PDB file of N, CA and C in Angstrom:
ATOM      1  N   MET A   1     -82.084 -28.007  25.906  1.00  0.00           N
ATOM      2  CA  MET A   1     -82.287 -28.155  24.597  1.00  0.00           C
ATOM      3  C   MET A   1     -82.276 -29.938  25.196  1.00  0.00           C
ATOM      4  N   ALA A   2     -83.232 -30.889  25.223  1.00  0.00           N
ATOM      5  CA  ALA A   2     -83.303 -32.169  25.521  1.00  0.00           C
ATOM      6  C   ALA A   2     -82.452 -33.269  24.286  1.00  0.00           C
ATOM      7  N   ARG A   3     -81.698 -34.067  25.440  1.00  0.00           N
ATOM      8  CA  ARG A   3     -80.903 -35.176  24.396  1.00  0.00           C
ATOM      9  C   ARG A   3     -81.914 -36.053  23.968  1.00  0.00           C
ATOM     10  N   LYS A   4     -81.483 -36.687  22.800  1.00  0.00           N
ATOM     11  CA  LYS A   4     -82.370 -38.087  22.455  1.00  0.00           C
ATOM     12  C   LYS A   4     -81.418 -39.372  22.748  1.00  0.00           C
ATOM     13  N   LYS A   5     -82.188 -40.155  23.466  1.00  0.00           N
ATOM     14  CA  LYS A   5     -81.621 -41.316  23.963  1.00  0.00           C
ATOM     15  C   LYS A   5     -81.104 -42.325  22.555  1.00  0.00           C
ATOM     16  N   PRO A   6     -80.276 -42.408  22.674  1.00  0.00           N
ATOM     17  CA  PRO A   6     -79.678 -43.437  21.515  1.00  0.00           C
ATOM     18  C   PRO A   6     -80.518 -44.559  21.167  1.00  0.00           C
ATOM     19  N   ARG A   7     -80.873 -44.887  20.123  1.00  0.00           N
ATOM     20  CA  ARG A   7     -81.728 -46.316  19.925  1.00  0.00           C
ATOM     21  C   ARG A   7     -80.877 -47.548  20.315  1.00  0.00           C
ATOM     22  N   LYS A   8     -81.053 -48.134  20.767  1.00  0.00           N
ATOM     23  CA  LYS A   8     -80.807 -49.779  21.308  1.00  0.00           C
ATOM     24  C   LYS A   8     -80.602 -50.747  20.139  1.00  0.00           C
ATOM     25  N   GLN A   9     -79.303 -50.961  19.961  1.00  0.00           N
ATOM     26  CA  GLN A   9     -78.982 -51.619  18.773  1.00  0.00           C
ATOM     27  C   GLN A   9     -78.422 -52.957  19.571  1.00  0.00           C
ATOM     28  N   THR A  10     -79.348 -54.159  19.073  1.00  0.00           N
ATOM     29  CA  THR A  10     -79.160 -55.434  19.715  1.00  0.00           C
ATOM     30  C   THR A  10     -78.579 -56.538  18.651  1.00  0.00           C
ATOM     31  N   PRO A  11     -77.458 -56.968  18.967  1.00  0.00           N
ATOM     32  CA  PRO A  11     -76.924 -57.899  17.732  1.00  0.00           C
ATOM     33  C   PRO A  11     -77.625 -59.086  17.578  1.00  0.00           C
ATOM     34  N   LEU A  12     -77.451 -59.535  16.278  1.00  0.00           N
ATOM     35  CA  LEU A  12     -77.782 -60.919  15.736  1.00  0.00           C
ATOM     36  C   LEU A  12     -77.867 -61.940  17.022  1.00  0.00           C
ATOM     37  N   PRO A  13     -78.326 -63.054  17.086  1.00  0.00           N
ATOM     38  CA  PRO A  13     -78.366 -64.243  18.245  1.00  0.00           C
ATOM     39  C   PRO A  13     -77.226 -65.110  17.247  1.00  0.00           C
ATOM     40  N   LYS A  14     -76.614 -65.684  18.109  1.00  0.00           N
ATOM     41  CA  LYS A  14     -75.633 -66.677  17.668  1.00  0.00           C
ATOM     42  C   LYS A  14     -76.329 -67.951  16.783  1.00  0.00           C
ATOM     43  N   MET A  15     -76.179 -68.307  15.519  1.00  0.00           N
ATOM     44  CA  MET A  15     -77.103 -69.349  14.918  1.00  0.00           C
ATOM     45  C   MET A  15     -76.059 -69.578  13.692  1.00  0.00           C
ATOM     46  N   ALA A  16     -76.797 -70.559  13.016  1.00  0.00           N
ATOM     47  CA  ALA A  16     -75.733 -71.010  12.318  1.00  0.00           C
ATOM     48  C   ALA A  16     -75.046 -69.877  10.854  1.00  0.00           C
ATOM     49  N   LYS A  17     -73.905 -69.851  10.791  1.00  0.00           N
ATOM     50  CA  LYS A  17     -73.421 -69.220   9.717  1.00  0.00           C
ATOM     51  C   LYS A  17     -73.980 -68.904   8.586  1.00  0.00           C
ATOM     52  N   PRO A  18     -74.460 -69.919   7.872  1.00  0.00           N
ATOM     53  CA  PRO A  18     -75.000 -69.756   6.721  1.00  0.00           C
ATOM     54  C   PRO A  18     -76.526 -68.336   6.758  1.00  0.00           C
ATOM     55  N   ALA A  19     -76.961 -68.859   8.095  1.00  0.00           N
ATOM     56  CA  ALA A  19     -78.369 -67.696   8.569  1.00  0.00           C
ATOM     57  C   ALA A  19     -77.825 -66.312   8.480  1.00  0.00           C
ATOM     58  N   LEU A  20     -76.708 -66.504   9.525  1.00  0.00           N
ATOM     59  CA  LEU A  20     -76.220 -64.909   9.861  1.00  0.00           C
ATOM     60  C   LEU A  20     -75.259 -64.294   8.515  1.00  0.00           C
ATOM     61  N   ARG A  21     -74.946 -65.009   7.515  1.00  0.00           N
ATOM     62  CA  ARG A  21     -74.610 -64.480   6.612  1.00  0.00           C
ATOM     63  C   ARG A  21     -75.449 -63.822   5.497  1.00  0.00           C
ATOM     64  N   VAL A  22     -76.378 -64.412   5.505  1.00  0.00           N
ATOM     65  CA  VAL A  22     -77.794 -64.356   4.425  1.00  0.00           C
ATOM     66  C   VAL A  22     -78.530 -62.934   5.257  1.00  0.00           C
ATOM     67  N   LEU A  23     -78.174 -62.847   6.585  1.00  0.00           N
ATOM     68  CA  LEU A  23     -79.089 -61.548   7.047  1.00  0.00           C
ATOM     69  C   LEU A  23     -77.820 -60.372   7.291  1.00  0.00           C
ATOM     70  N   GLN A  24     -77.239 -61.002   7.134  1.00  0.00           N
ATOM     71  CA  GLN A  24     -75.943 -59.652   7.033  1.00  0.00           C
ATOM     72  C   GLN A  24     -75.724 -59.116   5.297  1.00  0.00           C
ATOM     73  N   VAL A  25     -75.630 -59.839   4.712  1.00  0.00           N
ATOM     74  CA  VAL A  25     -75.583 -59.644   3.412  1.00  0.00           C
ATOM     75  C   VAL A  25     -76.587 -59.454   2.300  1.00  0.00           C
ATOM     76  N   GLU A  26     -77.850 -60.170   2.617  1.00  0.00           N
ATOM     77  CA  GLU A  26     -78.886 -60.180   1.728  1.00  0.00           C
ATOM     78  C   GLU A  26     -79.545 -59.160   2.376  1.00  0.00           C
ATOM     79  N   LEU A  27     -79.808 -58.829   3.390  1.00  0.00           N
ATOM     80  CA  LEU A  27     -80.900 -57.998   4.237  1.00  0.00           C
ATOM     81  C   LEU A  27     -79.701 -56.821   4.686  1.00  0.00           C
ATOM     82  N   GLY A  28     -78.691 -56.774   4.728  1.00  0.00           N
ATOM     83  CA  GLY A  28     -77.710 -55.531   5.253  1.00  0.00           C
ATOM     84  C   GLY A  28     -78.267 -55.471   6.678  1.00  0.00           C
ATOM     85  N   SER A  29     -78.402 -56.497   7.598  1.00  0.00           N
ATOM     86  CA  SER A  29     -79.209 -56.197   8.789  1.00  0.00           C
ATOM     87  C   SER A  29     -77.820 -56.779   9.455  1.00  0.00           C
ATOM     88  N   GLU A  30     -77.345 -55.811  10.707  1.00  0.00           N
ATOM     89  CA  GLU A  30     -76.327 -56.464  11.825  1.00  0.00           C
ATOM     90  C   GLU A  30     -76.986 -56.176  12.970  1.00  0.00           C
ATOM     91  N   THR A  31     -78.201 -56.002  13.437  1.00  0.00           N
ATOM     92  CA  THR A  31     -79.249 -55.970  14.675  1.00  0.00           C
ATOM     93  C   THR A  31     -80.562 -56.532  14.751  1.00  0.00           C
ATOM     94  N   LEU A  32     -80.984 -56.831  15.971  1.00  0.00           N
ATOM     95  CA  LEU A  32     -82.222 -57.248  15.802  1.00  0.00           C
ATOM     96  C   LEU A  32     -83.172 -56.188  14.823  1.00  0.00           C
ATOM     97  N   GLU A  33     -82.978 -54.837  15.488  1.00  0.00           N
ATOM     98  CA  GLU A  33     -84.201 -54.010  15.105  1.00  0.00           C
ATOM     99  C   GLU A  33     -83.745 -53.518  13.780  1.00  0.00           C
ATOM    100  N   GLU A  34     -82.945 -54.271  12.842  1.00  0.00           N
ATOM    101  CA  GLU A  34     -82.868 -54.020  11.405  1.00  0.00           C
ATOM    102  C   GLU A  34     -83.635 -55.074  10.704  1.00  0.00           C
ATOM    103  N   VAL A  35     -83.533 -56.218  11.632  1.00  0.00           N
ATOM    104  CA  VAL A  35     -84.356 -57.490  11.089  1.00  0.00           C
ATOM    105  C   VAL A  35     -85.989 -57.148  11.090  1.00  0.00           C
ATOM    106  N   CYS A  36     -86.310 -56.334  12.253  1.00  0.00           N
ATOM    107  CA  CYS A  36     -87.742 -55.817  12.348  1.00  0.00           C
ATOM    108  C   CYS A  36     -88.322 -55.159  11.201  1.00  0.00           C
ATOM    109  N   GLN A  37     -87.465 -54.735   9.807  1.00  0.00           N
ATOM    110  CA  GLN A  37     -87.819 -54.158   9.379  1.00  0.00           C
ATOM    111  C   GLN A  37     -88.735 -55.155   7.946  1.00  0.00           C
ATOM    112  N   TYR A  38     -88.516 -56.389   8.140  1.00  0.00           N
ATOM    113  CA  TYR A  38     -88.761 -57.232   6.774  1.00  0.00           C
ATOM    114  C   TYR A  38     -89.719 -58.323   7.424  1.00  0.00           C
ATOM    115  N   SER A  39     -90.503 -58.778   7.076  1.00  0.00           N
ATOM    116  CA  SER A  39     -91.933 -59.753   7.339  1.00  0.00           C
ATOM    117  C   SER A  39     -91.064 -61.176   7.457  1.00  0.00           C
ATOM    118  N   ARG A  40     -91.683 -61.883   8.348  1.00  0.00           N
ATOM    119  CA  ARG A  40     -91.256 -63.185   8.512  1.00  0.00           C
ATOM    120  C   ARG A  40     -91.151 -63.725   7.073  1.00  0.00           C
ATOM    121  N   ARG A  41     -92.282 -63.680   6.587  1.00  0.00           N
ATOM    122  CA  ARG A  41     -92.305 -64.284   5.417  1.00  0.00           C
ATOM    123  C   ARG A  41     -90.986 -64.130   4.499  1.00  0.00           C
ATOM    124  N   GLN A  42     -90.578 -62.569   4.183  1.00  0.00           N
ATOM    125  CA  GLN A  42     -89.489 -62.458   3.630  1.00  0.00           C
ATOM    126  C   GLN A  42     -88.498 -63.109   4.392  1.00  0.00           C
ATOM    127  N   VAL A  43     -88.204 -63.148   5.284  1.00  0.00           N
ATOM    128  CA  VAL A  43     -87.080 -63.779   6.012  1.00  0.00           C
ATOM    129  C   VAL A  43     -87.096 -65.061   5.670  1.00  0.00           C
ATOM    130  N   LEU A  44     -87.907 -65.898   5.912  1.00  0.00           N
ATOM    131  CA  LEU A  44     -87.780 -67.309   5.895  1.00  0.00           C
ATOM    132  C   LEU A  44     -87.500 -67.438   4.175  1.00  0.00           C
ATOM    133  N   ALA A  45     -87.876 -66.623   3.361  1.00  0.00           N
ATOM    134  CA  ALA A  45     -87.594 -67.346   1.943  1.00  0.00           C
ATOM    135  C   ALA A  45     -86.173 -67.155   1.640  1.00  0.00           C
ATOM    136  N   LEU A  46     -85.503 -66.666   2.324  1.00  0.00           N
ATOM    137  CA  LEU A  46     -83.963 -66.470   2.205  1.00  0.00           C
ATOM    138  C   LEU A  46     -82.938 -67.423   2.140  1.00  0.00           C
ATOM    139  N   HIS A  47     -82.654 -67.807   1.070  1.00  0.00           N
ATOM    140  CA  HIS A  47     -81.662 -69.197   1.124  1.00  0.00           C
ATOM    141  C   HIS A  47     -80.367 -69.377   2.426  1.00  0.00           C
ATOM    142  N   GLY A  48     -80.641 -70.406   3.077  1.00  0.00           N
ATOM    143  CA  GLY A  48     -79.789 -70.491   4.241  1.00  0.00           C
ATOM    144  C   GLY A  48     -80.571 -69.754   5.901  1.00  0.00           C
ATOM    145  N   MET A  49     -81.815 -69.700   5.726  1.00  0.00           N
ATOM    146  CA  MET A  49     -82.864 -69.381   6.752  1.00  0.00           C
ATOM    147  C   MET A  49     -83.745 -70.805   6.934  1.00  0.00           C
ATOM    148  N   GLY A  50     -83.315 -71.457   7.462  1.00  0.00           N
ATOM    149  CA  GLY A  50     -84.193 -72.654   7.983  1.00  0.00           C
ATOM    150  C   GLY A  50     -85.173 -72.658   9.024  1.00  0.00           C
ATOM    151  N   PRO A  51     -85.783 -73.591   9.444  1.00  0.00           N
ATOM    152  CA  PRO A  51     -86.829 -73.790  10.657  1.00  0.00           C
ATOM    153  C   PRO A  51     -86.002 -73.378  11.897  1.00  0.00           C
ATOM    154  N   SER A  52     -84.548 -74.064  12.094  1.00  0.00           N
ATOM    155  CA  SER A  52     -83.663 -73.967  13.436  1.00  0.00           C
ATOM    156  C   SER A  52     -83.447 -72.444  13.454  1.00  0.00           C
ATOM    157  N   ALA A  53     -83.003 -71.577  12.325  1.00  0.00           N
ATOM    158  CA  ALA A  53     -82.612 -70.519  12.338  1.00  0.00           C
ATOM    159  C   ALA A  53     -83.827 -69.677  12.799  1.00  0.00           C
ATOM    160  N   MET A  54     -84.688 -69.687  11.827  1.00  0.00           N
ATOM    161  CA  MET A  54     -85.961 -69.041  12.338  1.00  0.00           C
ATOM    162  C   MET A  54     -86.432 -69.006  14.125  1.00  0.00           C
ATOM    163  N   ALA A  55     -86.408 -70.149  14.344  1.00  0.00           N
ATOM    164  CA  ALA A  55     -86.812 -70.542  15.687  1.00  0.00           C
ATOM    165  C   ALA A  55     -85.712 -69.504  16.778  1.00  0.00           C
ATOM    166  N   ILE A  56     -84.716 -69.556  16.635  1.00  0.00           N
ATOM    167  CA  ILE A  56     -83.502 -68.792  17.355  1.00  0.00           C
ATOM    168  C   ILE A  56     -84.024 -67.057  17.088  1.00  0.00           C
ATOM    169  N   LEU A  57     -84.284 -66.879  15.510  1.00  0.00           N
ATOM    170  CA  LEU A  57     -84.393 -65.685  15.627  1.00  0.00           C
ATOM    171  C   LEU A  57     -85.548 -65.216  16.225  1.00  0.00           C
ATOM    172  N   GLU A  58     -86.782 -65.882  16.316  1.00  0.00           N
ATOM    173  CA  GLU A  58     -87.674 -65.309  16.653  1.00  0.00           C
ATOM    174  C   GLU A  58     -87.736 -65.276  18.223  1.00  0.00           C
ATOM    175  N   GLN A  59     -86.899 -66.114  18.684  1.00  0.00           N
ATOM    176  CA  GLN A  59     -86.885 -66.219  20.425  1.00  0.00           C
ATOM    177  C   GLN A  59     -86.054 -64.757  20.763  1.00  0.00           C
ATOM    178  N   ALA A  60     -85.099 -64.435  19.491  1.00  0.00           N
ATOM    179  CA  ALA A  60     -84.423 -63.592  20.305  1.00  0.00           C
ATOM    180  C   ALA A  60     -85.094 -62.013  19.931  1.00  0.00           C
ATOM    181  N   LEU A  61     -85.656 -62.099  19.131  1.00  0.00           N
ATOM    182  CA  LEU A  61     -86.738 -60.855  18.931  1.00  0.00           C
ATOM    183  C   LEU A  61     -87.800 -61.007  19.900  1.00  0.00           C
ATOM    184  N   ALA A  62     -88.412 -62.065  20.329  1.00  0.00           N
ATOM    185  CA  ALA A  62     -89.624 -61.724  21.116  1.00  0.00           C
ATOM    186  C   ALA A  62     -88.919 -61.452  22.789  1.00  0.00           C
ATOM    187  N   ALA A  63     -87.870 -61.971  23.068  1.00  0.00           N
ATOM    188  CA  ALA A  63     -87.092 -61.529  24.163  1.00  0.00           C
ATOM    189  C   ALA A  63     -86.744 -60.359  24.195  1.00  0.00           C
ATOM    190  N   ASN A  64     -86.692 -59.344  23.152  1.00  0.00           N
ATOM    191  CA  ASN A  64     -86.168 -58.143  23.101  1.00  0.00           C
ATOM    192  C   ASN A  64     -87.225 -57.210  22.908  1.00  0.00           C
ATOM    193  N   GLY A  65     -88.550 -57.778  22.771  1.00  0.00           N
ATOM    194  CA  GLY A  65     -89.579 -57.208  22.590  1.00  0.00           C
ATOM    195  C   GLY A  65     -89.833 -56.531  21.530  1.00  0.00           C
ATOM    196  N   LEU A  66     -89.124 -57.360  20.550  1.00  0.00           N
ATOM    197  CA  LEU A  66     -89.706 -57.272  19.024  1.00  0.00           C
ATOM    198  C   LEU A  66     -89.925 -58.032  18.523  1.00  0.00           C
ATOM    199  N   CYS A  67     -90.689 -57.735  16.816  1.00  0.00           N
ATOM    200  CA  CYS A  67     -91.090 -58.569  15.840  1.00  0.00           C
ATOM    201  C   CYS A  67     -90.775 -58.345  14.725  1.00  0.00           C
ATOM    202  N   PHE A  68     -91.473 -59.269  13.699  1.00  0.00           N
ATOM    203  CA  PHE A  68     -91.661 -58.986  12.717  1.00  0.00           C
ATOM    204  C   PHE A  68     -92.239 -57.847  11.892  1.00  0.00           C
ATOM    205  N   ALA A  69     -92.063 -57.231  10.360  1.00  0.00           N
ATOM    206  CA  ALA A  69     -92.836 -56.660  10.221  1.00  0.00           C
ATOM    207  C   ALA A  69     -93.950 -57.271   9.775  1.00  0.00           C
ATOM    208  N   ASN A  70     -95.111 -56.572   9.413  1.00  0.00           N
ATOM    209  CA  ASN A  70     -96.611 -57.397   8.868  1.00  0.00           C
ATOM    210  C   ASN A  70     -96.473 -58.081   7.697  1.00  0.00           C
ATOM    211  N   ASP A  71     -96.559 -59.440   7.561  1.00  0.00           N
ATOM    212  CA  ASP A  71     -96.729 -60.278   6.227  1.00  0.00           C
ATOM    213  C   ASP A  71     -97.990 -59.422   5.649  1.00  0.00           C
ATOM    214  N   SER A  72     -97.979 -58.997   4.383  1.00  0.00           N
ATOM    215  CA  SER A  72     -98.711 -58.742   3.577  1.00  0.00           C
ATOM    216  C   SER A  72     -99.229 -59.747   2.262  1.00  0.00           C
TER     217      SER A  72
END
């Protein structure tokens, strides 16, 4: 029987505490892979997610081959 590889779990990048809190509390996200379930528009709309935090988050996603869900 073949074993499945464990899914990679990339921690959220270092950013301002309000931005981290909103990702953890409002979205329930502790990893970049969990943030990918949401669109850029949804994340940007969260109170505490400003342009600087979004830039850090987008860089971290891109560096790990990840992206936001499609905006609808």
